[in-house]
């Protein structure tokens, strides 16, 4: 098999590179590479910072939307509950208080009656409360009780007079305080809704 000869395309041989010129060319090539690398790195960092800023902005918008959604839902629930709670306080709570009044009288008198030296216990009350107190309270006490009707007292207000002082049960005042607390609770809610 004959030897294969490759064709030479240049007519004259390349001169040997000058070592100073080669060094300058290499340095220029390296400087160009470094500049391109730094520019690429800066572009990547700027793109990453832009993406991060967009992500943070979208996250902030989502959190704000959730906050508004929560506040809107809370306001809606409170607005729906307000009439129910007000009806409970104005209609149901007074009835419950009247039913609980005799037990509260007994509960208040018994600890005081242990040190009682001179019966009777005097109960000043509104005439509307007398029947319930006589039926449920007086038999449970086992003490002589004197009942004095006082029209100036409300049906939920009873004054207990013993030899060592006076105690007061005022359910009407407690109901008024609960009602005022509910009014105070719902008043800022109404103002917040009015201002959006």
C-alpha atoms as a PDB file:
ATOM      1  CA  UNK A   1       0.000   0.000   0.000  1.00  0.00           C
ATOM      2  CA  UNK A   2       1.412   3.293  -1.040  1.00  0.00           C
ATOM      3  CA  UNK A   3       2.085   6.004   1.429  1.00  0.00           C
ATOM      4  CA  UNK A   4      -0.527   8.643   1.763  1.00  0.00           C
ATOM      5  CA  UNK A   5       0.603  12.168   1.250  1.00  0.00           C
ATOM      6  CA  UNK A   6      -1.360  15.136   2.522  1.00  0.00           C
ATOM      7  CA  UNK A   7      -1.605  18.241   0.490  1.00  0.00           C
ATOM      8  CA  UNK A   8      -0.045  21.378   1.947  1.00  0.00           C
ATOM      9  CA  UNK A   9      -2.214  24.481   1.584  1.00  0.00           C
ATOM     10  CA  UNK A  10       0.138  27.224   2.483  1.00  0.00           C
ATOM     11  CA  UNK A  11       2.974  28.125   0.296  1.00  0.00           C
ATOM     12  CA  UNK A  12       5.415  29.235   2.831  1.00  0.00           C
ATOM     13  CA  UNK A  13       6.050  27.960   6.262  1.00  0.00           C
ATOM     14  CA  UNK A  14       4.699  29.811   9.310  1.00  0.00           C
ATOM     15  CA  UNK A  15       7.204  31.897  11.068  1.00  0.00           C
ATOM     16  CA  UNK A  16       7.905  30.889  14.616  1.00  0.00           C
ATOM     17  CA  UNK A  17       5.818  32.968  16.912  1.00  0.00           C
ATOM     18  CA  UNK A  18       7.546  35.748  18.737  1.00  0.00           C
ATOM     19  CA  UNK A  19       7.366  34.965  22.422  1.00  0.00           C
ATOM     20  CA  UNK A  20       6.555  38.586  23.417  1.00  0.00           C
ATOM     21  CA  UNK A  21       3.822  38.857  20.803  1.00  0.00           C
ATOM     22  CA  UNK A  22       2.413  35.488  21.843  1.00  0.00           C
ATOM     23  CA  UNK A  23       2.320  36.548  25.469  1.00  0.00           C
ATOM     24  CA  UNK A  24       0.503  39.776  24.580  1.00  0.00           C
ATOM     25  CA  UNK A  25      -2.011  37.869  22.469  1.00  0.00           C
ATOM     26  CA  UNK A  26      -2.604  35.361  25.261  1.00  0.00           C
ATOM     27  CA  UNK A  27      -3.066  38.159  27.792  1.00  0.00           C
ATOM     28  CA  UNK A  28      -5.503  39.958  25.498  1.00  0.00           C
ATOM     29  CA  UNK A  29      -7.425  36.728  24.961  1.00  0.00           C
ATOM     30  CA  UNK A  30      -7.542  36.095  28.748  1.00  0.00           C
ATOM     31  CA  UNK A  31      -8.615  39.685  29.435  1.00  0.00           C
ATOM     32  CA  UNK A  32     -11.402  39.330  26.873  1.00  0.00           C
ATOM     33  CA  UNK A  33     -12.485  36.043  28.468  1.00  0.00           C
ATOM     34  CA  UNK A  34     -12.472  37.591  31.971  1.00  0.00           C
ATOM     35  CA  UNK A  35     -14.460  40.599  30.779  1.00  0.00           C
ATOM     36  CA  UNK A  36     -17.029  38.334  29.086  1.00  0.00           C
ATOM     37  CA  UNK A  37     -17.246  36.100  32.155  1.00  0.00           C
ATOM     38  CA  UNK A  38     -17.749  39.113  34.469  1.00  0.00           C
ATOM     39  CA  UNK A  39     -20.397  40.577  32.159  1.00  0.00           C
ATOM     40  CA  UNK A  40     -22.239  37.229  32.078  1.00  0.00           C
ATOM     41  CA  UNK A  41     -22.051  36.952  35.870  1.00  0.00           C
ATOM     42  CA  UNK A  42     -23.395  40.507  36.292  1.00  0.00           C
ATOM     43  CA  UNK A  43     -26.262  39.781  33.875  1.00  0.00           C
ATOM     44  CA  UNK A  44     -27.146  36.587  35.770  1.00  0.00           C
ATOM     45  CA  UNK A  45     -27.048  38.396  39.134  1.00  0.00           C
ATOM     46  CA  UNK A  46     -29.258  41.205  37.797  1.00  0.00           C
ATOM     47  CA  UNK A  47     -31.739  38.689  36.336  1.00  0.00           C
ATOM     48  CA  UNK A  48     -31.834  36.785  39.639  1.00  0.00           C
ATOM     49  CA  UNK A  49     -32.396  40.001  41.611  1.00  0.00           C
ATOM     50  CA  UNK A  50     -35.217  40.978  39.237  1.00  0.00           C
ATOM     51  CA  UNK A  51     -36.885  37.569  39.589  1.00  0.00           C
ATOM     52  CA  UNK A  52     -36.530  37.720  43.359  1.00  0.00           C
ATOM     53  CA  UNK A  53     -38.078  41.200  43.501  1.00  0.00           C
ATOM     54  CA  UNK A  54     -40.999  40.000  41.361  1.00  0.00           C
ATOM     55  CA  UNK A  55     -41.481  36.935  43.585  1.00  0.00           C
ATOM     56  CA  UNK A  56     -41.430  39.073  46.732  1.00  0.00           C
ATOM     57  CA  UNK A  57     -43.946  41.503  45.212  1.00  0.00           C
ATOM     58  CA  UNK A  58     -46.292  38.638  44.234  1.00  0.00           C
ATOM     59  CA  UNK A  59     -45.952  37.119  47.716  1.00  0.00           C
ATOM     60  CA  UNK A  60     -46.708  40.456  49.377  1.00  0.00           C
ATOM     61  CA  UNK A  61     -49.792  40.885  47.179  1.00  0.00           C
ATOM     62  CA  UNK A  62     -50.979  37.364  48.028  1.00  0.00           C
ATOM     63  CA  UNK A  63     -50.509  37.933  51.771  1.00  0.00           C
ATOM     64  CA  UNK A  64     -52.328  41.258  51.550  1.00  0.00           C
ATOM     65  CA  UNK A  65     -55.182  39.617  49.612  1.00  0.00           C
ATOM     66  CA  UNK A  66     -55.413  36.900  52.279  1.00  0.00           C
ATOM     67  CA  UNK A  67     -55.487  39.568  54.978  1.00  0.00           C
ATOM     68  CA  UNK A  68     -58.328  41.364  53.235  1.00  0.00           C
ATOM     69  CA  UNK A  69     -60.148  38.080  52.678  1.00  0.00           C
ATOM     70  CA  UNK A  70     -59.803  37.173  56.374  1.00  0.00           C
ATOM     71  CA  UNK A  71     -60.941  40.628  57.478  1.00  0.00           C
ATOM     72  CA  UNK A  72     -63.895  40.560  55.091  1.00  0.00           C
ATOM     73  CA  UNK A  73     -64.919  37.096  56.322  1.00  0.00           C
ATOM     74  CA  UNK A  74     -64.541  38.148  59.961  1.00  0.00           C
ATOM     75  CA  UNK A  75     -66.603  41.296  59.397  1.00  0.00           C
ATOM     76  CA  UNK A  76     -69.266  39.277  57.594  1.00  0.00           C
ATOM     77  CA  UNK A  77     -69.503  36.747  60.443  1.00  0.00           C
ATOM     78  CA  UNK A  78     -69.599  39.461  63.104  1.00  0.00           C
ATOM     79  CA  UNK A  79     -72.225  41.418  61.200  1.00  0.00           C
ATOM     80  CA  UNK A  80     -74.336  38.268  60.950  1.00  0.00           C
ATOM     81  CA  UNK A  81     -73.872  37.441  64.660  1.00  0.00           C
ATOM     82  CA  UNK A  82     -74.567  40.926  65.999  1.00  0.00           C
ATOM     83  CA  UNK A  83     -78.404  40.774  65.802  1.00  0.00           C
ATOM     84  CA  UNK A  84     -78.432  37.285  67.337  1.00  0.00           C
ATOM     85  CA  UNK A  85     -76.203  38.259  70.255  1.00  0.00           C
ATOM     86  CA  UNK A  86     -78.163  41.445  70.872  1.00  0.00           C
ATOM     87  CA  UNK A  87     -81.435  39.464  70.950  1.00  0.00           C
ATOM     88  CA  UNK A  88     -79.897  36.977  73.387  1.00  0.00           C
ATOM     89  CA  UNK A  89     -78.787  39.780  75.681  1.00  0.00           C
ATOM     90  CA  UNK A  90     -82.033  41.728  75.467  1.00  0.00           C
ATOM     91  CA  UNK A  91     -84.561  38.877  75.608  1.00  0.00           C
ATOM     92  CA  UNK A  92     -83.082  35.561  76.673  1.00  0.00           C
ATOM     93  CA  UNK A  93     -80.528  36.661  79.264  1.00  0.00           C
ATOM     94  CA  UNK A  94     -83.083  38.522  81.438  1.00  0.00           C
ATOM     95  CA  UNK A  95     -85.289  35.394  81.541  1.00  0.00           C
ATOM     96  CA  UNK A  96     -82.332  33.218  82.465  1.00  0.00           C
ATOM     97  CA  UNK A  97     -81.317  35.727  85.124  1.00  0.00           C
ATOM     98  CA  UNK A  98     -84.832  35.703  86.644  1.00  0.00           C
ATOM     99  CA  UNK A  99     -84.782  31.910  86.757  1.00  0.00           C
ATOM    100  CA  UNK A 100     -81.340  31.934  88.416  1.00  0.00           C
ATOM    101  CA  UNK A 101     -82.199  34.671  90.935  1.00  0.00           C
ATOM    102  CA  UNK A 102     -83.499  32.435  93.770  1.00  0.00           C
ATOM    103  CA  UNK A 103     -80.430  30.191  93.576  1.00  0.00           C
ATOM    104  CA  UNK A 104     -78.151  33.236  93.675  1.00  0.00           C
ATOM    105  CA  UNK A 105     -79.959  34.544  96.757  1.00  0.00           C
ATOM    106  CA  UNK A 106     -79.465  31.213  98.551  1.00  0.00           C
ATOM    107  CA  UNK A 107     -75.839  31.059  97.419  1.00  0.00           C
ATOM    108  CA  UNK A 108     -75.224  34.563  98.772  1.00  0.00           C
ATOM    109  CA  UNK A 109     -77.055  34.157 102.086  1.00  0.00           C
ATOM    110  CA  UNK A 110     -75.770  30.752 103.244  1.00  0.00           C
ATOM    111  CA  UNK A 111     -72.114  31.768 103.779  1.00  0.00           C
ATOM    112  CA  UNK A 112     -73.253  34.953 105.534  1.00  0.00           C
ATOM    113  CA  UNK A 113     -75.837  33.085 107.632  1.00  0.00           C
ATOM    114  CA  UNK A 114     -73.192  30.894 109.269  1.00  0.00           C
ATOM    115  CA  UNK A 115     -72.117  33.886 111.359  1.00  0.00           C
ATOM    116  CA  UNK A 116     -75.654  35.210 111.759  1.00  0.00           C
ATOM    117  CA  UNK A 117     -76.449  35.937 115.397  1.00  0.00           C
ATOM    118  CA  UNK A 118     -79.828  37.598 115.026  1.00  0.00           C
ATOM    119  CA  UNK A 119     -82.311  36.313 112.458  1.00  0.00           C
ATOM    120  CA  UNK A 120     -84.239  37.186 110.387  1.00  0.00           C
ATOM    121  CA  UNK A 121     -82.695  37.895 107.056  1.00  0.00           C
ATOM    122  CA  UNK A 122     -84.420  40.807 105.342  1.00  0.00           C
ATOM    123  CA  UNK A 123     -84.821  40.667 101.568  1.00  0.00           C
ATOM    124  CA  UNK A 124     -85.723  43.905  99.816  1.00  0.00           C
ATOM    125  CA  UNK A 125     -86.885  43.201  96.301  1.00  0.00           C
ATOM    126  CA  UNK A 126     -89.097  44.280  93.447  1.00  0.00           C
ATOM    127  CA  UNK A 127     -92.660  42.944  93.776  1.00  0.00           C
ATOM    128  CA  UNK A 128     -92.255  41.052  90.459  1.00  0.00           C
ATOM    129  CA  UNK A 129     -89.520  38.875  92.039  1.00  0.00           C
ATOM    130  CA  UNK A 130     -91.426  38.006  95.223  1.00  0.00           C
ATOM    131  CA  UNK A 131     -93.255  34.871  94.009  1.00  0.00           C
ATOM    132  CA  UNK A 132     -90.132  33.154  92.704  1.00  0.00           C
ATOM    133  CA  UNK A 133     -88.120  34.030  95.810  1.00  0.00           C
ATOM    134  CA  UNK A 134     -90.863  32.787  98.182  1.00  0.00           C
ATOM    135  CA  UNK A 135     -91.274  29.507  96.290  1.00  0.00           C
ATOM    136  CA  UNK A 136     -87.658  28.564  95.709  1.00  0.00           C
ATOM    137  CA  UNK A 137     -85.451  30.573  98.004  1.00  0.00           C
ATOM    138  CA  UNK A 138     -87.154  30.784 101.373  1.00  0.00           C
ATOM    139  CA  UNK A 139     -87.659  27.001 101.835  1.00  0.00           C
ATOM    140  CA  UNK A 140     -84.036  26.314 100.848  1.00  0.00           C
ATOM    141  CA  UNK A 141     -82.620  28.734 103.412  1.00  0.00           C
ATOM    142  CA  UNK A 142     -84.180  27.231 106.510  1.00  0.00           C
ATOM    143  CA  UNK A 143     -83.970  30.650 108.183  1.00  0.00           C
ATOM    144  CA  UNK A 144     -86.615  33.162 109.085  1.00  0.00           C
ATOM    145  CA  UNK A 145     -86.830  35.550 106.146  1.00  0.00           C
ATOM    146  CA  UNK A 146     -88.587  38.877 106.058  1.00  0.00           C
ATOM    147  CA  UNK A 147     -89.496  40.090 102.563  1.00  0.00           C
ATOM    148  CA  UNK A 148     -89.933  43.801 101.925  1.00  0.00           C
ATOM    149  CA  UNK A 149     -91.191  44.921  98.536  1.00  0.00           C
ATOM    150  CA  UNK A 150     -89.439  47.952  97.075  1.00  0.00           C
ATOM    151  CA  UNK A 151     -90.689  49.412  93.786  1.00  0.00           C
ATOM    152  CA  UNK A 152     -87.473  51.399  93.357  1.00  0.00           C
ATOM    153  CA  UNK A 153     -85.544  48.151  92.757  1.00  0.00           C
ATOM    154  CA  UNK A 154     -85.537  46.421  89.383  1.00  0.00           C
ATOM    155  CA  UNK A 155     -86.734  42.784  89.135  1.00  0.00           C
ATOM    156  CA  UNK A 156     -83.136  41.541  89.047  1.00  0.00           C
ATOM    157  CA  UNK A 157     -81.958  43.641  92.008  1.00  0.00           C
ATOM    158  CA  UNK A 158     -82.227  42.222  95.543  1.00  0.00           C
ATOM    159  CA  UNK A 159     -80.794  43.666  98.773  1.00  0.00           C
ATOM    160  CA  UNK A 160     -80.011  41.213 101.580  1.00  0.00           C
ATOM    161  CA  UNK A 161     -79.841  42.729 105.041  1.00  0.00           C
ATOM    162  CA  UNK A 162     -78.272  40.740 107.861  1.00  0.00           C
ATOM    163  CA  UNK A 163     -77.220  41.792 111.321  1.00  0.00           C
ATOM    164  CA  UNK A 164     -73.653  42.434 110.112  1.00  0.00           C
ATOM    165  CA  UNK A 165     -74.429  44.361 106.956  1.00  0.00           C
ATOM    166  CA  UNK A 166     -76.013  44.296 103.560  1.00  0.00           C
ATOM    167  CA  UNK A 167     -75.296  42.343 100.369  1.00  0.00           C
ATOM    168  CA  UNK A 168     -76.630  43.072  96.924  1.00  0.00           C
ATOM    169  CA  UNK A 169     -77.508  40.877  93.965  1.00  0.00           C
ATOM    170  CA  UNK A 170     -77.959  42.984  90.842  1.00  0.00           C
ATOM    171  CA  UNK A 171     -78.525  40.867  87.766  1.00  0.00           C
ATOM    172  CA  UNK A 172     -79.991  43.776  85.817  1.00  0.00           C
ATOM    173  CA  UNK A 173     -76.730  45.675  86.164  1.00  0.00           C
ATOM    174  CA  UNK A 174     -74.798  42.596  85.009  1.00  0.00           C
ATOM    175  CA  UNK A 175     -77.060  42.288  81.952  1.00  0.00           C
ATOM    176  CA  UNK A 176     -76.581  45.998  81.211  1.00  0.00           C
ATOM    177  CA  UNK A 177     -72.808  45.567  81.433  1.00  0.00           C
ATOM    178  CA  UNK A 178     -72.910  42.591  79.062  1.00  0.00           C
ATOM    179  CA  UNK A 179     -75.068  44.571  76.639  1.00  0.00           C
ATOM    180  CA  UNK A 180     -72.695  47.548  76.805  1.00  0.00           C
ATOM    181  CA  UNK A 181     -69.710  45.264  76.219  1.00  0.00           C
ATOM    182  CA  UNK A 182     -71.391  43.828  73.115  1.00  0.00           C
ATOM    183  CA  UNK A 183     -72.223  47.332  71.889  1.00  0.00           C
ATOM    184  CA  UNK A 184     -68.592  48.377  72.383  1.00  0.00           C
ATOM    185  CA  UNK A 185     -67.398  45.245  70.598  1.00  0.00           C
ATOM    186  CA  UNK A 186     -69.568  45.790  67.539  1.00  0.00           C
ATOM    187  CA  UNK A 187     -69.231  49.578  67.341  1.00  0.00           C
ATOM    188  CA  UNK A 188     -65.594  49.595  66.069  1.00  0.00           C
ATOM    189  CA  UNK A 189     -66.560  46.839  63.616  1.00  0.00           C
ATOM    190  CA  UNK A 190     -69.267  49.045  62.142  1.00  0.00           C
ATOM    191  CA  UNK A 191     -66.849  51.992  61.866  1.00  0.00           C
ATOM    192  CA  UNK A 192     -64.222  49.792  60.180  1.00  0.00           C
ATOM    193  CA  UNK A 193     -66.785  48.638  57.616  1.00  0.00           C
ATOM    194  CA  UNK A 194     -67.851  52.215  56.907  1.00  0.00           C
ATOM    195  CA  UNK A 195     -64.240  53.201  56.165  1.00  0.00           C
ATOM    196  CA  UNK A 196     -63.484  50.083  54.123  1.00  0.00           C
END
